[in-house]
């Protein structure tokens, strides 16, 4: 599904719609080279939390609200990060199983160690005291900053998925 552009003729005296000429619909997924560019940039900048967040988003293909709501015990078993995880989706109330790649396991383990997290805590806690975990809005801003560094247009947070992974 490709995004389309809506163009409507402008009758005289009428206001121009806010979305005239803008892309609507489903946006294209990230390309493999874009994923690696983001990953490398996060590694070079030593952004442990964001690297773990990005890698988990790619591996799990979870919605933003489910991703930010993960707890440490969802992905960490004892002292090591599990190879597979099962998470209950908020929207559908269905369990989703996903594999966690070695690279993601290393990033998550580094983040949990750096943040001194306990199993019952949220994997990505908020820096704001009122909120227990990262908000979906903040997650969206983080995704926007990743894409902005590469000069890509902003995409909705649900689009952290990979075209190559979607072909499986």
Protein backbone atom coordinates (compact mmCIF):
# COMPACT_ATOMS: atom_id res chain seq x y z
CA UNK A 1 0.00 0.00 0.00
CA UNK A 2 1.54 3.26 -1.09
CA UNK A 3 0.70 6.65 0.34
CA UNK A 4 -1.33 8.85 -1.98
CA UNK A 5 -1.60 12.58 -2.30
CA UNK A 6 -5.03 14.18 -2.27
CA UNK A 7 -5.49 17.25 -4.39
CA UNK A 8 -8.81 18.98 -4.52
CA UNK A 9 -9.72 21.98 -6.64
CA UNK A 10 -10.00 25.19 -4.62
CA UNK A 11 -13.34 26.87 -5.16
CA UNK A 12 -13.14 30.63 -4.76
CA UNK A 13 -13.91 31.89 -1.27
CA UNK A 14 -13.30 28.55 0.48
CA UNK A 15 -10.52 27.77 2.93
CA UNK A 16 -7.74 25.46 1.85
CA UNK A 17 -7.93 22.12 3.73
CA UNK A 18 -5.09 21.59 6.25
CA UNK A 19 -4.02 18.38 4.53
CA UNK A 20 -4.09 19.57 0.92
CA UNK A 21 -1.06 18.24 -0.92
CA UNK A 22 0.10 16.13 2.03
CA UNK A 23 0.65 12.41 1.97
CA UNK A 24 -2.14 10.45 3.60
CA UNK A 25 -2.60 6.77 4.24
CA UNK A 26 -0.03 4.19 5.18
CA UNK A 27 3.56 5.40 4.88
CA UNK A 28 6.28 3.14 3.49
CA UNK A 29 8.31 1.12 6.02
CA UNK A 30 11.95 1.82 6.74
CA UNK A 31 14.47 0.34 4.33
CA UNK A 32 17.21 -1.94 5.58
CA UNK A 33 19.91 0.67 4.94
CA UNK A 34 17.90 3.26 6.93
CA UNK A 35 17.60 0.82 9.83
CA UNK A 36 21.35 0.20 9.82
CA UNK A 37 22.08 3.92 9.56
CA UNK A 38 19.96 4.62 12.64
CA UNK A 39 21.46 1.66 14.51
CA UNK A 40 25.06 2.71 13.76
CA UNK A 41 24.37 6.32 14.69
CA UNK A 42 22.87 5.28 18.06
CA UNK A 43 25.86 3.01 18.73
CA UNK A 44 28.39 5.73 17.87
CA UNK A 45 26.54 8.21 20.10
CA UNK A 46 26.48 5.66 22.97
CA UNK A 47 22.70 6.01 23.34
CA UNK A 48 22.09 2.75 25.17
CA UNK A 49 18.42 3.30 25.99
CA UNK A 50 17.51 4.44 22.49
CA UNK A 51 19.46 1.60 20.87
CA UNK A 52 17.60 -0.95 23.02
CA UNK A 53 14.29 0.78 22.23
CA UNK A 54 15.00 0.87 18.48
CA UNK A 55 16.20 -2.73 18.28
CA UNK A 56 13.20 -4.00 20.26
CA UNK A 57 10.85 -2.01 18.03
CA UNK A 58 12.34 -3.61 14.93
CA UNK A 59 12.42 -7.15 16.36
CA UNK A 60 8.97 -7.12 17.94
CA UNK A 61 6.99 -4.98 15.45
CA UNK A 62 4.85 -3.99 18.45
CA UNK A 63 2.69 -0.87 18.48
CA UNK A 64 4.23 2.06 20.31
CA UNK A 65 1.88 1.74 23.29
CA UNK A 66 2.83 -1.92 23.75
CA UNK A 67 6.54 -1.25 23.30
CA UNK A 68 6.79 1.52 25.89
CA UNK A 69 4.71 -0.58 28.32
CA UNK A 70 7.17 -3.49 28.37
CA UNK A 71 8.50 -4.49 31.76
CA UNK A 72 11.97 -5.86 32.41
CA UNK A 73 10.60 -9.34 33.25
CA UNK A 74 8.88 -9.47 29.83
CA UNK A 75 12.26 -9.78 28.08
CA UNK A 76 14.77 -10.67 30.82
CA UNK A 77 14.82 -14.13 32.38
CA UNK A 78 17.04 -14.22 35.46
CA UNK A 79 20.29 -12.52 34.51
CA UNK A 80 20.07 -12.83 30.73
CA UNK A 81 17.79 -11.50 28.00
CA UNK A 82 15.48 -14.17 26.58
CA UNK A 83 15.67 -15.24 22.93
CA UNK A 84 11.84 -15.06 22.66
CA UNK A 85 9.20 -13.02 24.39
CA UNK A 86 5.41 -13.09 24.55
CA UNK A 87 3.49 -9.86 25.13
CA UNK A 88 -0.25 -9.24 25.39
CA UNK A 89 -1.30 -6.46 22.99
CA UNK A 90 -3.42 -3.69 24.48
CA UNK A 91 -5.51 -3.08 21.36
CA UNK A 92 -6.40 -6.66 20.43
CA UNK A 93 -5.87 -8.41 23.79
CA UNK A 94 -4.03 -11.15 21.92
CA UNK A 95 -0.61 -12.51 22.80
CA UNK A 96 2.22 -11.80 20.39
CA UNK A 97 5.40 -13.86 20.36
CA UNK A 98 8.57 -12.45 18.87
CA UNK A 99 12.20 -13.43 18.61
CA UNK A 100 14.86 -11.18 20.10
CA UNK A 101 18.01 -11.13 18.00
CA UNK A 102 21.47 -11.38 19.54
CA UNK A 103 22.19 -7.73 18.75
CA UNK A 104 18.99 -6.66 20.51
CA UNK A 105 19.70 -8.92 23.49
CA UNK A 106 23.09 -7.24 23.90
CA UNK A 107 21.56 -3.76 23.68
CA UNK A 108 18.77 -4.58 26.16
CA UNK A 109 21.23 -6.22 28.59
CA UNK A 110 23.48 -3.14 28.44
CA UNK A 111 20.48 -0.86 29.05
CA UNK A 112 19.17 -2.91 32.01
CA UNK A 113 22.65 -2.97 33.55
CA UNK A 114 23.23 0.75 32.99
CA UNK A 115 19.83 1.72 34.42
CA UNK A 116 20.06 -0.74 37.39
CA UNK A 117 16.55 -2.02 36.69
CA UNK A 118 14.60 -4.60 38.65
CA UNK A 119 12.33 -7.21 36.99
CA UNK A 120 9.06 -5.51 37.96
CA UNK A 121 10.08 -2.10 36.59
CA UNK A 122 9.18 -0.74 33.17
CA UNK A 123 11.94 -1.40 30.64
CA UNK A 124 11.81 2.20 29.43
CA UNK A 125 10.91 4.36 32.45
CA UNK A 126 9.90 7.97 32.04
CA UNK A 127 12.20 10.74 33.14
CA UNK A 128 9.09 12.59 34.34
CA UNK A 129 8.17 11.58 37.87
CA UNK A 130 4.38 11.46 37.30
CA UNK A 131 4.61 8.86 34.53
CA UNK A 132 5.84 5.32 35.24
CA UNK A 133 7.02 4.65 31.69
CA UNK A 134 7.92 6.47 28.50
CA UNK A 135 4.79 7.95 26.89
CA UNK A 136 3.80 7.14 23.33
CA UNK A 137 4.13 10.84 22.55
CA UNK A 138 7.71 10.88 23.81
CA UNK A 139 8.41 7.69 21.85
CA UNK A 140 7.10 9.46 18.75
CA UNK A 141 9.47 12.37 19.38
CA UNK A 142 12.40 9.98 19.80
CA UNK A 143 11.55 8.22 16.52
CA UNK A 144 11.27 11.62 14.84
CA UNK A 145 14.73 12.57 16.11
CA UNK A 146 16.22 9.33 14.71
CA UNK A 147 14.68 10.00 11.32
CA UNK A 148 15.58 13.69 11.43
CA UNK A 149 19.27 12.90 11.91
CA UNK A 150 19.17 10.95 8.66
CA UNK A 151 17.25 13.66 6.83
CA UNK A 152 14.17 11.47 6.44
CA UNK A 153 10.66 12.82 6.66
CA UNK A 154 8.81 12.21 9.89
CA UNK A 155 6.72 9.07 9.97
CA UNK A 156 4.16 7.91 12.52
CA UNK A 157 5.59 5.87 15.38
CA UNK A 158 3.79 2.76 14.15
CA UNK A 159 6.08 2.71 11.14
CA UNK A 160 9.15 1.45 12.91
CA UNK A 161 9.14 -1.71 10.93
CA UNK A 162 11.32 -2.98 8.17
CA UNK A 163 10.35 -3.70 4.59
CA UNK A 164 12.62 -6.77 4.55
CA UNK A 165 11.01 -8.17 7.71
CA UNK A 166 7.49 -7.62 6.34
CA UNK A 167 8.22 -9.92 3.39
CA UNK A 168 8.62 -12.98 5.64
